[in-house]
Amino acid sequence: MNTLFDKIWDKHVVQVVDDGPTQLYIDRLYCHEVTSPQAFDGMRARGLKCFRPDHIFCMPDHNTPTHDQDKPIADPVSAKQVNTLAKNAKDFGLTHYGMMDKNNGIIHVVGPEKGLSLPGMTIVCGDSHTSTHGAMGAVAFGIGTSEVEMVMASQCILQQKPKSMRISINGQLQKGVTAKDVALYLMSQLTTSGATGYFVEYAGDVVKNLSMEGRLTLCNLSIEMGARGGFVAPDEVTFNYLKGREYAPKGEEWERAVAYWRTLKSGDDAVFDKELTFDAKDIEPRITYGTNPGMGIGITSLVPSQGGECMPGEAKALQYMGFKAGEMLLGKKIDYVFLGACTNGRIEDFRAFASIVKGRQKSADVIAWLVPGSWAVRQQIADEGLDKVLEAAGFEIRQPGCSACLAMNDDKVPAGKYAVSTSNRNFEGRQGPGSRTILCSPLTAAAAAVTGVITDPRTLL
């Protein structure tokens, strides 16, 4: 019996090249301002039009400032990239959601919330975190610029078929443990290369009980284990999330779509290339201590050591972070808190953050950036009154964008400063040259924001 990955992949195969790649049909291409300019230039040079322009959606997110978006972008490089995307989308007749457009936001947040990402689809974007859309029950993965051009021209791509892996997490999550903590735990167990060459299907009790926002977070971080992508089989959680969304099927088409989507699951006798099982009771709130997402620990644990020395290959990371093997990070002073990114910029993440800070005050020593993943999320924050809760606690809600996830806009963490961040990567300089990033969940970020130090969020729940 084929796996769900096999079912979706095989349905999209156009042809298989002998001793070569598969020509795979692509249902949806997302374009942002960073990886698309060369692809558009290549199309122009060859005098080509987009083969299926209605399947392509464009929006800026990496370079957009998260304040004063109604004014011209001050940084000339960012301004050029954002303006170039707008021109390219217009020239090629593509849907474009620019800054201040109510449909704008981070592309991996907007796609699912508009119903553009649907079960059974193949979805690509020139961005590694395209794996996020796998939460909808889709095969979604990042591609390079030349491949973006390939999809524009033909709506197809040449790909080697990855191997299949199923990761099951069973049991029930403890209080204060979120999907982000599950993902950080998996990365510490598999390392950042443990799923290389695989497409991961997430399963088990924990995954079934996750909200759609939680599943989006989990799939978002698949790439950080080295996986080509990750996904969750569609179920009632998926259908309830999608129903009524702008681009989701309507009426009789909806009924037909759901009937088909219900068939999208791996059979009981499906054979995976690799299977792993984990227990929810082993997962507590997590933080990272090093310079890749796999260098993580439970928040009450010590930085790993062997006889008081750091683990092999980690000395450079610990030196950069200013930490020592064998020490506890609880109580460490921090400087910045970032809530947002395509990892944790959704409404559920703001609800979690607000649940901790309600009735408390932001630490005077902390600079906090709270950045919704889209204008729709920002509106929902207002509709639910979370803006009042956050503002009363001393926080400001910014405008949508990738923000401090990466140093491509104004929201940069200064050298040597510690940032507790809900984003996806803690590489050297990722949030700004010399910045030090500690990855965590929205609950843990909120706890640090009000105490000024790394804090176990369970003590504040």
Protein backbone atom coordinates (compact mmCIF):
# COMPACT_ATOMS: atom_id res chain seq x y z
CA MET A 1 0.00 0.00 0.00
CA ASN A 2 1.35 3.40 -0.92
CA THR A 3 1.94 6.10 1.65
CA LEU A 4 0.03 9.39 1.44
CA PHE A 5 3.19 10.97 0.06
CA ASP A 6 3.23 8.39 -2.75
CA LYS A 7 -0.43 9.08 -3.53
CA ILE A 8 0.03 12.83 -3.92
CA TRP A 9 3.38 12.58 -5.69
CA ASP A 10 2.27 9.89 -8.15
CA LYS A 11 -0.90 11.83 -9.02
CA HIS A 12 1.27 14.78 -10.12
CA VAL A 13 3.86 12.89 -12.18
CA VAL A 14 3.91 14.05 -15.82
CA GLN A 15 6.75 11.77 -16.86
CA VAL A 16 9.76 10.00 -15.39
CA VAL A 17 13.12 10.44 -17.09
CA ASP A 18 15.09 7.18 -17.33
CA ASP A 19 17.94 7.29 -14.80
CA GLY A 20 16.91 10.88 -14.14
CA PRO A 21 14.41 13.09 -12.32
CA THR A 22 10.62 13.12 -12.32
CA GLN A 23 8.73 15.85 -14.17
CA LEU A 24 6.24 16.87 -11.49
CA TYR A 25 3.18 19.07 -12.03
CA ILE A 26 2.87 21.95 -9.54
CA ASP A 27 -0.51 23.23 -8.35
CA ARG A 28 0.65 26.41 -6.62
CA LEU A 29 3.70 28.65 -6.90
CA TYR A 30 4.27 31.37 -4.31
CA CYS A 31 6.73 34.18 -5.10
CA HIS A 32 8.30 36.67 -2.72
CA GLU A 33 10.74 39.45 -3.43
CA VAL A 34 14.02 37.69 -2.57
CA THR A 35 14.24 34.65 -4.85
CA SER A 36 12.04 35.64 -7.79
CA PRO A 37 13.80 38.56 -9.60
CA GLN A 38 16.29 36.36 -11.49
CA ALA A 39 13.48 33.99 -12.50
CA PHE A 40 11.45 36.85 -13.98
CA ASP A 41 14.57 38.15 -15.75
CA GLY A 42 15.12 34.70 -17.23
CA MET A 43 11.54 34.59 -18.50
CA ARG A 44 11.96 38.00 -20.14
CA ALA A 45 15.26 37.01 -21.75
CA ARG A 46 13.57 34.03 -23.39
CA GLY A 47 10.43 35.93 -24.33
CA LEU A 48 8.22 33.64 -22.24
CA LYS A 49 4.92 34.23 -20.47
CA CYS A 50 3.82 32.39 -17.32
CA PHE A 51 2.12 29.16 -18.41
CA ARG A 52 -0.62 29.30 -15.74
CA PRO A 53 -0.58 32.79 -14.19
CA ASP A 54 -3.72 32.09 -12.12
CA HIS A 55 -1.73 29.44 -10.18
CA ILE A 56 0.93 31.94 -9.08
CA PHE A 57 0.63 34.37 -6.13
CA CYS A 58 3.16 37.05 -5.20
CA MET A 59 3.75 39.09 -2.05
CA PRO A 60 6.70 40.82 -0.36
CA ASP A 61 7.52 39.74 3.19
CA HIS A 62 11.28 39.39 3.87
CA ASN A 63 12.27 43.01 3.18
CA THR A 64 9.14 44.79 4.40
CA PRO A 65 9.49 47.05 7.45
CA THR A 66 7.08 46.33 10.29
CA HIS A 67 6.25 49.98 10.91
CA ASP A 68 5.21 52.91 8.70
CA GLN A 69 4.39 50.63 5.78
CA ASP A 70 2.34 53.46 4.27
CA LYS A 71 5.59 55.38 3.71
CA PRO A 72 8.38 54.64 1.18
CA ILE A 73 10.87 52.00 2.38
CA ALA A 74 13.96 53.81 3.66
CA ASP A 75 16.49 51.04 2.93
CA PRO A 76 17.34 51.26 -0.82
CA VAL A 77 18.05 47.52 -1.22
CA SER A 78 14.76 46.52 0.43
CA ALA A 79 12.85 49.15 -1.52
CA LYS A 80 14.29 47.89 -4.81
CA GLN A 81 13.39 44.28 -4.09
CA VAL A 82 9.83 45.09 -3.01
CA ASN A 83 9.24 47.43 -5.96
CA THR A 84 10.75 44.96 -8.42
CA LEU A 85 8.34 42.23 -7.32
CA ALA A 86 5.39 44.60 -7.83
CA LYS A 87 6.58 45.46 -11.35
CA ASN A 88 7.26 41.82 -12.26
CA ALA A 89 3.85 40.69 -11.04
CA LYS A 90 2.18 43.43 -13.09
CA ASP A 91 4.24 42.70 -16.22
CA PHE A 92 3.44 38.98 -16.08
CA GLY A 93 -0.22 39.36 -15.06
CA LEU A 94 0.12 37.71 -11.65
CA THR A 95 -1.87 38.24 -8.46
CA HIS A 96 0.16 40.51 -6.17
CA TYR A 97 -0.58 41.43 -2.56
CA GLY A 98 1.66 44.43 -1.84
CA MET A 99 2.37 46.24 1.40
CA MET A 100 -0.72 47.75 3.08
CA ASP A 101 -2.93 45.41 1.02
CA LYS A 102 -5.28 43.69 3.48
CA ASN A 103 -4.23 40.36 1.92
CA ASN A 104 -0.51 40.92 2.54
CA GLY A 105 1.65 39.15 5.10
CA ILE A 106 4.23 36.40 5.30
CA ILE A 107 3.56 34.17 2.31
CA HIS A 108 3.54 30.98 4.44
CA VAL A 109 0.91 32.50 6.74
CA VAL A 110 -1.29 34.00 4.02
CA GLY A 111 -1.42 30.88 1.79
CA PRO A 112 -3.23 28.64 4.31
CA GLU A 113 -5.41 31.40 5.79
CA LYS A 114 -6.79 32.34 2.35
CA GLY A 115 -7.42 28.71 1.39
CA LEU A 116 -4.81 28.91 -1.38
CA SER A 117 -3.02 25.88 0.08
CA LEU A 118 -5.29 22.84 -0.06
CA PRO A 119 -5.03 19.09 0.67
CA GLY A 120 -3.54 16.97 -2.08
CA MET A 121 -1.74 19.88 -3.75
CA THR A 122 1.88 20.21 -4.79
CA ILE A 123 3.12 23.61 -3.60
CA VAL A 124 6.49 25.31 -4.14
CA CYS A 125 8.17 28.62 -3.36
CA GLY A 126 11.74 29.88 -3.52
CA ASP A 127 11.96 29.59 0.26
CA SER A 128 12.94 26.63 2.43
CA HIS A 129 10.04 27.08 4.87
CA THR A 130 7.50 26.27 2.15
CA SER A 131 7.25 23.00 4.09
CA THR A 132 4.78 24.93 6.30
CA HIS A 133 1.95 24.31 3.81
CA GLY A 134 2.30 20.56 4.35
CA ALA A 135 0.09 21.03 7.40
CA MET A 136 -2.84 21.25 4.99
CA GLY A 137 -2.12 17.73 3.72
CA ALA A 138 -0.08 18.95 0.75
CA VAL A 139 3.34 18.08 -0.65
CA ALA A 140 5.06 21.44 -0.21
CA PHE A 141 8.77 22.23 -0.49
CA GLY A 142 11.26 24.99 -1.21
CA ILE A 143 12.98 25.36 -4.58
CA GLY A 144 15.84 27.37 -6.11
CA THR A 145 15.56 30.40 -8.37
CA SER A 146 16.14 28.45 -11.60
CA GLU A 147 13.36 26.08 -10.53
CA VAL A 148 11.04 29.03 -9.86
CA GLU A 149 11.60 30.02 -13.49
CA MET A 150 10.91 26.44 -14.58
CA VAL A 151 7.53 26.45 -12.82
CA MET A 152 6.64 29.88 -14.22
CA ALA A 153 7.34 28.67 -17.75
CA SER A 154 5.81 25.17 -17.59
CA GLN A 155 3.95 24.72 -14.28
CA CYS A 156 6.25 21.71 -13.84
CA ILE A 157 9.52 21.00 -12.09
CA LEU A 158 12.23 18.33 -12.34
CA GLN A 159 12.71 16.55 -9.01
CA GLN A 160 14.15 13.34 -7.63
CA LYS A 161 11.53 11.59 -5.52
CA PRO A 162 12.49 11.72 -1.82
CA LYS A 163 12.27 8.76 0.53
CA SER A 164 9.38 8.58 3.02
CA MET A 165 9.56 8.81 6.80
CA ARG A 166 6.78 8.69 9.38
CA ILE A 167 7.31 10.33 12.76
CA SER A 168 4.66 9.45 15.36
CA ILE A 169 4.37 11.33 18.65
CA ASN A 170 2.02 9.53 21.02
CA GLY A 171 0.51 10.37 24.38
CA GLN A 172 -0.59 13.77 25.67
CA LEU A 173 1.44 16.96 25.84
CA GLN A 174 2.11 18.35 29.31
CA LYS A 175 0.93 21.77 30.46
CA GLY A 176 2.89 24.56 28.78
CA VAL A 177 4.21 22.34 25.96
CA THR A 178 3.37 23.50 22.43
CA ALA A 179 3.89 22.38 18.83
CA LYS A 180 7.07 24.50 18.76
CA ASP A 181 8.45 22.54 21.69
CA VAL A 182 7.61 19.27 19.90
CA ALA A 183 9.49 20.45 16.80
CA LEU A 184 12.52 21.60 18.82
CA TYR A 185 12.53 18.25 20.63
CA LEU A 186 12.45 16.32 17.35
CA MET A 187 15.35 18.39 16.01
CA SER A 188 17.44 17.65 19.09
CA GLN A 189 16.74 13.93 18.69
CA LEU A 190 17.26 13.68 14.92
CA THR A 191 19.84 16.50 14.62
CA THR A 192 19.64 19.04 11.79
CA SER A 193 20.53 16.38 9.21
CA GLY A 194 18.63 13.37 10.56
CA ALA A 195 15.80 13.59 8.01
CA THR A 196 17.93 14.50 4.99
CA GLY A 197 16.56 12.92 1.83
CA TYR A 198 13.14 12.23 3.35
CA PHE A 199 9.64 13.66 3.19
CA VAL A 200 8.15 13.35 6.69
CA GLU A 201 4.57 12.44 7.55
CA TYR A 202 3.70 13.47 11.12
CA ALA A 203 1.27 11.17 12.93
CA GLY A 204 0.20 9.93 16.37
CA ASP A 205 -2.02 11.22 19.18
CA VAL A 206 -0.19 14.52 19.62
CA VAL A 207 -0.40 15.46 15.94
CA LYS A 208 -4.08 14.49 15.67
CA ASN A 209 -4.85 16.74 18.62
CA LEU A 210 -2.88 19.75 17.36
CA SER A 211 -4.77 22.75 16.03
CA MET A 212 -4.10 23.81 12.44
CA GLU A 213 -1.80 26.56 13.74
CA GLY A 214 0.16 23.95 15.69
CA ARG A 215 0.46 21.72 12.64
CA LEU A 216 1.67 24.66 10.55
CA THR A 217 4.40 25.31 13.13
CA LEU A 218 5.45 21.65 13.18
CA CYS A 219 5.61 21.36 9.38
CA ASN A 220 7.39 24.72 9.11
CA LEU A 221 10.35 23.30 11.04
CA SER A 222 10.66 20.06 9.03
CA ILE A 223 13.40 21.64 6.94
CA GLU A 224 15.45 22.23 10.10
CA MET A 225 15.84 18.44 10.48
CA GLY A 226 17.14 18.29 6.93
CA ALA A 227 13.84 16.97 5.52
CA ARG A 228 12.66 17.92 2.03
CA GLY A 229 9.31 18.69 3.63
CA GLY A 230 6.77 17.52 6.17
CA PHE A 231 3.01 17.10 6.17
CA VAL A 232 -0.02 15.94 8.13
CA ALA A 233 -2.84 13.87 6.61
CA PRO A 234 -5.97 16.03 6.26
CA ASP A 235 -8.80 15.39 8.73
CA GLU A 236 -11.72 17.20 10.39
CA VAL A 237 -9.30 19.78 11.84
CA THR A 238 -8.17 20.59 8.30
CA PHE A 239 -11.69 20.71 6.84
CA ASN A 240 -13.04 22.91 9.66
CA TYR A 241 -10.11 25.30 9.21
CA LEU A 242 -10.56 25.57 5.44
CA LYS A 243 -14.34 25.80 5.18
CA GLY A 244 -15.47 29.24 4.02
CA ARG A 245 -12.00 30.56 3.26
CA GLU A 246 -11.68 32.74 0.17
CA TYR A 247 -10.06 30.27 -2.22
CA ALA A 248 -11.45 27.06 -0.70
CA PRO A 249 -14.08 25.23 -2.81
CA LYS A 250 -17.71 26.29 -2.25
CA GLY A 251 -21.11 24.53 -2.32
CA GLU A 252 -21.19 21.21 -4.16
CA GLU A 253 -17.51 21.63 -5.07
CA TRP A 254 -16.72 21.73 -1.34
CA GLU A 255 -18.57 18.46 -0.73
CA ARG A 256 -16.74 16.78 -3.62
CA ALA A 257 -13.41 18.14 -2.43
CA VAL A 258 -13.88 16.90 1.13
CA ALA A 259 -14.93 13.47 -0.14
CA TYR A 260 -11.65 13.29 -2.06
CA TRP A 261 -9.59 14.75 0.79
CA ARG A 262 -10.86 12.01 3.09
CA THR A 263 -9.05 9.47 0.88
CA LEU A 264 -5.73 11.26 1.45
CA LYS A 265 -4.16 9.09 4.12
CA SER A 266 -1.58 6.36 4.37
CA GLY A 267 -3.09 2.88 4.58
CA ASP A 268 -2.67 0.64 7.63
CA ASP A 269 -0.25 -1.46 5.58
CA ALA A 270 1.70 1.48 4.12
CA VAL A 271 5.45 0.91 4.09
CA PHE A 272 7.76 3.81 4.93
CA ASP A 273 11.50 3.93 4.30
CA LYS A 274 11.92 4.91 7.94
CA GLU A 275 9.63 5.05 10.99
CA LEU A 276 10.29 6.80 14.31
CA THR A 277 8.10 7.00 17.41
CA PHE A 278 8.36 9.41 20.34
CA ASP A 279 6.47 9.82 23.64
CA ALA A 280 4.86 13.15 24.55
CA LYS A 281 5.77 12.71 28.23
CA ASP A 282 9.44 13.18 27.35
CA ILE A 283 8.84 16.70 26.01
CA GLU A 284 8.97 19.81 28.19
CA PRO A 285 9.20 23.46 27.11
CA ARG A 286 12.36 23.76 25.01
CA ILE A 287 15.06 26.35 24.34
CA THR A 288 18.17 26.34 22.16
CA TYR A 289 21.65 26.97 23.52
CA GLY A 290 23.73 26.85 20.30
CA THR A 291 23.80 28.06 16.71
CA ASN A 292 21.58 25.55 14.94
CA PRO A 293 18.01 24.55 15.83
CA GLY A 294 19.11 21.04 16.83
CA MET A 295 21.20 22.40 19.71
CA GLY A 296 18.30 22.45 22.13
CA ILE A 297 17.41 21.32 25.65
CA GLY A 298 14.45 21.11 27.97
CA ILE A 299 14.20 24.44 29.72
CA THR A 300 15.10 22.91 33.11
CA SER A 301 18.05 20.92 31.69
CA LEU A 302 21.74 21.76 31.61
CA VAL A 303 23.73 22.64 28.49
CA PRO A 304 25.04 19.21 27.36
CA SER A 305 28.52 18.22 28.45
CA GLN A 306 30.82 15.24 28.75
CA GLY A 307 32.71 15.41 32.03
CA GLY A 308 32.17 19.16 32.23
CA GLU A 309 33.36 19.73 28.66
CA CYS A 310 31.12 20.69 25.76
CA MET A 311 29.94 18.04 23.33
CA PRO A 312 32.10 17.48 20.20
CA GLY A 313 31.71 20.22 17.61
CA GLU A 314 29.83 22.54 19.95
CA ALA A 315 32.70 24.58 21.41
CA LYS A 316 32.46 27.25 18.69
CA ALA A 317 28.68 27.53 19.12
CA LEU A 318 28.91 27.92 22.89
CA GLN A 319 31.69 30.48 22.56
CA TYR A 320 29.54 32.50 20.16
CA MET A 321 26.53 32.28 22.50
CA GLY A 322 28.54 33.01 25.66
CA PHE A 323 27.31 29.82 27.36
CA LYS A 324 29.22 26.99 29.07
CA ALA A 325 28.74 23.23 28.99
CA GLY A 326 27.01 22.00 32.12
CA GLU A 327 25.34 25.30 33.04
CA MET A 328 21.62 25.98 33.40
CA LEU A 329 20.12 28.73 31.23
CA LEU A 330 17.14 29.44 33.51
CA GLY A 331 17.57 32.93 34.93
CA LYS A 332 19.90 34.14 32.17
CA LYS A 333 19.31 37.81 31.36
CA ILE A 334 17.95 38.54 27.87
CA ASP A 335 17.67 41.73 25.83
CA TYR A 336 15.13 41.15 23.06
CA VAL A 337 11.96 39.11 22.56
CA PHE A 338 10.54 38.37 19.12
CA LEU A 339 7.07 36.90 18.60
CA GLY A 340 6.32 36.23 14.94
CA ALA A 341 7.73 34.68 11.73
CA CYS A 342 6.15 32.01 9.52
CA THR A 343 6.81 29.69 12.48
CA ASN A 344 4.78 31.46 15.19
CA GLY A 345 3.06 34.54 13.74
CA ARG A 346 -0.52 33.20 13.80
CA ILE A 347 -3.49 34.09 16.01
CA GLU A 348 -3.01 31.09 18.31
CA ASP A 349 0.56 32.27 19.00
CA PHE A 350 -0.68 35.72 20.03
CA ARG A 351 -3.34 34.15 22.23
CA ALA A 352 -0.64 32.08 23.96
CA PHE A 353 1.65 35.09 24.44
CA ALA A 354 -1.24 37.18 25.81
CA SER A 355 -2.24 34.42 28.26
CA ILE A 356 1.13 34.80 30.01
CA VAL A 357 1.49 38.60 29.95
CA LYS A 358 -2.11 39.40 30.94
CA GLY A 359 -2.08 41.29 34.23
CA ARG A 360 1.72 41.56 34.14
CA GLN A 361 4.15 44.15 32.74
CA LYS A 362 6.89 43.90 30.15
CA SER A 363 10.34 43.97 31.74
CA ALA A 364 11.88 47.43 31.37
CA ASP A 365 15.13 45.75 30.28
CA VAL A 366 13.54 43.99 27.29
CA ILE A 367 12.84 45.30 23.78
CA ALA A 368 9.93 43.30 22.38
CA TRP A 369 8.81 42.93 18.77
CA LEU A 370 5.34 41.43 18.38
CA VAL A 371 4.79 40.95 14.65
CA PRO A 372 1.64 39.32 13.21
CA GLY A 373 2.15 37.03 10.23
CA SER A 374 -0.49 38.84 8.18
CA TRP A 375 -2.94 41.74 8.20
CA ALA A 376 -5.68 39.17 8.76
CA VAL A 377 -3.95 38.01 11.97
CA ARG A 378 -3.53 41.64 13.07
CA GLN A 379 -7.25 42.22 12.54
CA GLN A 380 -8.11 39.08 14.50
CA ILE A 381 -5.89 40.27 17.38
CA ALA A 382 -8.00 43.45 17.49
CA ASP A 383 -11.31 41.59 17.09
CA GLU A 384 -10.50 39.36 20.08
CA GLY A 385 -9.30 42.27 22.23
CA LEU A 386 -5.81 40.83 22.52
CA ASP A 387 -4.37 44.19 21.44
CA LYS A 388 -5.78 45.76 24.62
CA VAL A 389 -4.29 42.99 26.78
CA LEU A 390 -0.88 43.32 25.14
CA GLU A 391 -0.85 47.12 25.19
CA ALA A 392 -1.85 47.16 28.88
CA ALA A 393 1.17 44.95 29.56
CA GLY A 394 3.44 47.41 27.74
CA PHE A 395 3.71 45.75 24.33
CA GLU A 396 3.27 47.27 20.88
CA ILE A 397 1.86 45.26 17.95
CA ARG A 398 3.76 45.93 14.75
CA GLN A 399 2.77 45.56 11.08
CA PRO A 400 3.10 42.21 9.26
CA GLY A 401 6.34 40.88 7.81
CA CYS A 402 9.18 38.42 8.38
CA SER A 403 10.69 40.98 10.77
CA ALA A 404 13.44 39.76 13.12
CA CYS A 405 13.43 36.21 11.80
CA LEU A 406 16.29 37.27 9.52
CA ALA A 407 18.41 40.38 9.09
CA MET A 408 16.87 41.58 5.80
CA ASN A 409 14.82 44.46 7.20
CA ASP A 410 14.97 47.08 9.96
CA ASP A 411 14.29 44.67 12.85
CA LYS A 412 17.87 43.60 13.64
CA VAL A 413 19.21 42.44 16.99
CA PRO A 414 22.51 44.23 17.86
CA ALA A 415 25.80 42.34 18.22
CA GLY A 416 26.21 40.50 21.52
CA LYS A 417 22.59 40.92 22.56
CA TYR A 418 20.40 37.93 23.46
CA ALA A 419 17.09 37.49 21.64
CA VAL A 420 14.49 34.99 22.82
CA SER A 421 12.75 34.26 19.55
CA THR A 422 9.82 32.24 18.21
CA SER A 423 11.40 32.11 14.73
CA ASN A 424 12.96 29.06 13.07
CA ARG A 425 16.73 29.57 12.92
CA ASN A 426 19.43 30.56 15.39
CA PHE A 427 22.43 30.60 13.03
CA GLU A 428 25.27 33.03 13.72
CA GLY A 429 24.12 36.49 12.65
CA ARG A 430 20.68 35.29 11.55
CA GLN A 431 18.92 38.10 13.44
CA GLY A 432 21.72 40.60 12.87
CA PRO A 433 25.55 40.50 12.80
CA GLY A 434 26.79 39.14 16.14
CA SER A 435 23.27 38.62 17.52
CA ARG A 436 22.61 35.65 19.83
CA THR A 437 19.34 33.81 19.27
CA ILE A 438 17.52 31.47 21.68
CA LEU A 439 14.63 29.69 19.95
CA CYS A 440 11.49 28.88 21.93
CA SER A 441 7.69 28.81 21.92
CA PRO A 442 5.39 31.85 22.28
CA LEU A 443 4.71 30.87 25.92
CA THR A 444 8.43 30.80 26.75
CA ALA A 445 8.99 34.07 24.86
CA ALA A 446 6.20 35.72 26.86
CA ALA A 447 7.65 34.47 30.15
CA ALA A 448 11.03 35.99 29.25
CA ALA A 449 9.42 39.24 28.14
CA VAL A 450 7.83 39.90 31.53
CA THR A 451 10.68 38.60 33.72
CA GLY A 452 13.68 39.80 31.69
CA VAL A 453 15.33 36.41 32.03
CA ILE A 454 14.92 32.90 30.58
CA THR A 455 11.93 31.56 32.51
CA ASP A 456 10.00 28.30 32.56
CA PRO A 457 6.55 29.37 31.31
CA ARG A 458 4.85 26.73 33.44
CA THR A 459 5.67 28.81 36.51
CA LEU A 460 3.53 31.66 35.12
CA LEU A 461 0.58 29.69 33.72
